[in-house]
Amino acid sequence: MRLLITAVILVLAAAGTAFAHASLDHAIPAVGSTVAPSPKEIVLTFTSELEPAFSSVEVVNEKGVAMQSSKAAVDSANRAQLRVPLKTLVPGTYRVNWSVLSVDTHRTTGNFTFRVRP
């Protein structure tokens, strides 16, 4: 019986790992931070590798105007990292909206804000 229970636990643990969603691990600039000067890019690091064609980031100012200077791209050296270059940001609050598809085909979305100080 003990062997059967151990086998079931191992199978469930492996399944949980295989079906994990790509959650945001950390961001640069950090979630909720205040930075100066204006960052040149946003770097989002997730908990699993991403599908580049189905992963995106939008950075908007307080008026909802997009502030990225080109499309986001998955880093070829770290496929769990998504980068988006930015226009020069004036002081204010910015919202980062992200939507990613992990290599295990799970989609996750989220957002956070950061501030640029004068």
Protein backbone atom coordinates (compact mmCIF):
# COMPACT_ATOMS: atom_id res chain seq x y z
CA MET A 1 0.00 0.00 0.00
CA ARG A 2 2.84 2.37 0.91
CA LEU A 3 4.43 1.71 -2.51
CA LEU A 4 1.16 2.53 -4.28
CA ILE A 5 0.75 5.80 -2.39
CA THR A 6 4.36 6.78 -3.16
CA ALA A 7 3.83 6.01 -6.86
CA VAL A 8 0.65 8.14 -6.99
CA ILE A 9 2.40 11.07 -5.28
CA LEU A 10 5.32 10.89 -7.74
CA VAL A 11 2.98 10.81 -10.75
CA LEU A 12 0.99 13.79 -9.48
CA ALA A 13 4.14 15.76 -8.71
CA ALA A 14 5.49 15.15 -12.22
CA ALA A 15 2.17 16.16 -13.79
CA GLY A 16 2.13 19.40 -11.81
CA THR A 17 5.56 20.29 -13.13
CA ALA A 18 4.66 19.42 -16.72
CA PHE A 19 1.52 21.58 -16.70
CA ALA A 20 2.91 24.66 -14.94
CA HIS A 21 1.87 28.03 -16.32
CA ALA A 22 4.39 30.74 -17.17
CA SER A 23 4.04 33.08 -14.20
CA LEU A 24 5.91 36.36 -13.95
CA ASP A 25 8.97 35.72 -11.77
CA HIS A 26 10.41 39.24 -11.82
CA ALA A 27 10.58 42.39 -13.91
CA ILE A 28 13.04 45.19 -14.68
CA PRO A 29 12.01 47.79 -13.68
CA ALA A 30 10.52 45.99 -10.69
CA VAL A 31 6.77 45.75 -10.15
CA GLY A 32 5.58 48.90 -8.34
CA SER A 33 9.00 50.54 -8.38
CA THR A 34 10.00 54.15 -8.99
CA VAL A 35 12.95 54.61 -11.32
CA ALA A 36 15.12 57.36 -12.78
CA PRO A 37 16.21 57.83 -15.46
CA SER A 38 13.76 56.47 -18.02
CA PRO A 39 14.44 52.76 -18.67
CA LYS A 40 15.45 51.85 -22.22
CA GLU A 41 13.57 48.53 -22.08
CA ILE A 42 11.28 46.37 -20.00
CA VAL A 43 12.59 42.89 -19.18
CA LEU A 44 10.10 40.30 -17.92
CA THR A 45 11.34 36.95 -16.65
CA PHE A 46 8.85 34.09 -16.37
CA THR A 47 8.88 30.72 -14.63
CA SER A 48 8.94 28.73 -17.87
CA GLU A 49 9.99 29.12 -21.50
CA LEU A 50 7.77 31.12 -23.85
CA GLU A 51 6.46 30.72 -27.40
CA PRO A 52 7.81 33.86 -29.15
CA ALA A 53 5.04 34.16 -31.75
CA PHE A 54 2.33 34.24 -29.07
CA SER A 55 3.92 36.38 -26.35
CA SER A 56 3.61 40.16 -26.16
CA VAL A 57 4.09 43.20 -23.95
CA GLU A 58 2.48 46.62 -24.15
CA VAL A 59 3.63 49.59 -22.06
CA VAL A 60 1.17 52.48 -21.83
CA ASN A 61 1.35 55.91 -20.23
CA GLU A 62 -1.36 57.49 -18.06
CA LYS A 63 -3.35 58.44 -21.20
CA GLY A 64 -3.21 54.90 -22.59
CA VAL A 65 -0.66 55.72 -25.30
CA ALA A 66 1.70 52.85 -26.21
CA MET A 67 5.31 53.61 -25.27
CA GLN A 68 7.20 50.65 -26.72
CA SER A 69 9.46 51.50 -29.69
CA SER A 70 9.08 48.06 -31.32
CA LYS A 71 7.59 44.63 -30.65
CA ALA A 72 8.56 42.52 -27.68
CA ALA A 73 10.88 39.59 -28.32
CA VAL A 74 11.78 36.45 -26.42
CA ASP A 75 15.48 36.48 -25.54
CA SER A 76 17.27 33.78 -27.58
CA ALA A 77 19.70 33.14 -24.71
CA ASN A 78 16.92 32.82 -22.11
CA ARG A 79 13.57 31.71 -23.57
CA ALA A 80 11.83 32.51 -20.28
CA GLN A 81 12.67 36.20 -20.76
CA LEU A 82 10.64 38.71 -22.77
CA ARG A 83 12.11 42.12 -23.66
CA VAL A 84 10.51 45.21 -25.15
CA PRO A 85 12.41 48.40 -26.09
CA LEU A 86 10.87 51.70 -24.99
CA LYS A 87 10.59 55.26 -26.21
CA THR A 88 11.96 57.85 -23.77
CA LEU A 89 9.52 58.00 -20.86
CA VAL A 90 8.67 61.30 -19.20
CA PRO A 91 8.00 61.35 -15.46
CA GLY A 92 4.74 59.61 -14.61
CA THR A 93 3.10 56.23 -14.08
CA TYR A 94 3.25 53.47 -16.69
CA ARG A 95 1.30 50.21 -16.96
CA VAL A 96 2.93 47.07 -18.35
CA ASN A 97 0.39 44.64 -19.87
CA TRP A 98 1.73 41.22 -20.79
CA SER A 99 0.29 38.13 -22.41
CA VAL A 100 2.41 35.01 -22.87
CA LEU A 101 2.04 31.47 -24.10
CA SER A 102 4.34 28.97 -22.43
CA VAL A 103 5.88 26.10 -24.37
CA ASP A 104 3.38 23.78 -22.66
CA THR A 105 0.58 25.82 -24.40
CA HIS A 106 -0.82 27.57 -21.33
CA ARG A 107 -1.64 31.28 -21.77
CA THR A 108 -1.23 33.72 -18.90
CA THR A 109 -1.76 37.46 -18.75
CA GLY A 110 -1.08 40.15 -16.23
CA ASN A 111 -0.10 43.74 -15.65
CA PHE A 112 1.72 45.97 -13.22
CA THR A 113 2.73 49.60 -12.89
CA PHE A 114 5.95 51.45 -12.28
CA ARG A 115 6.80 55.15 -12.04
CA VAL A 116 9.46 57.28 -13.65
CA ARG A 117 10.48 60.15 -11.38
CA PRO A 118 11.76 63.53 -12.53
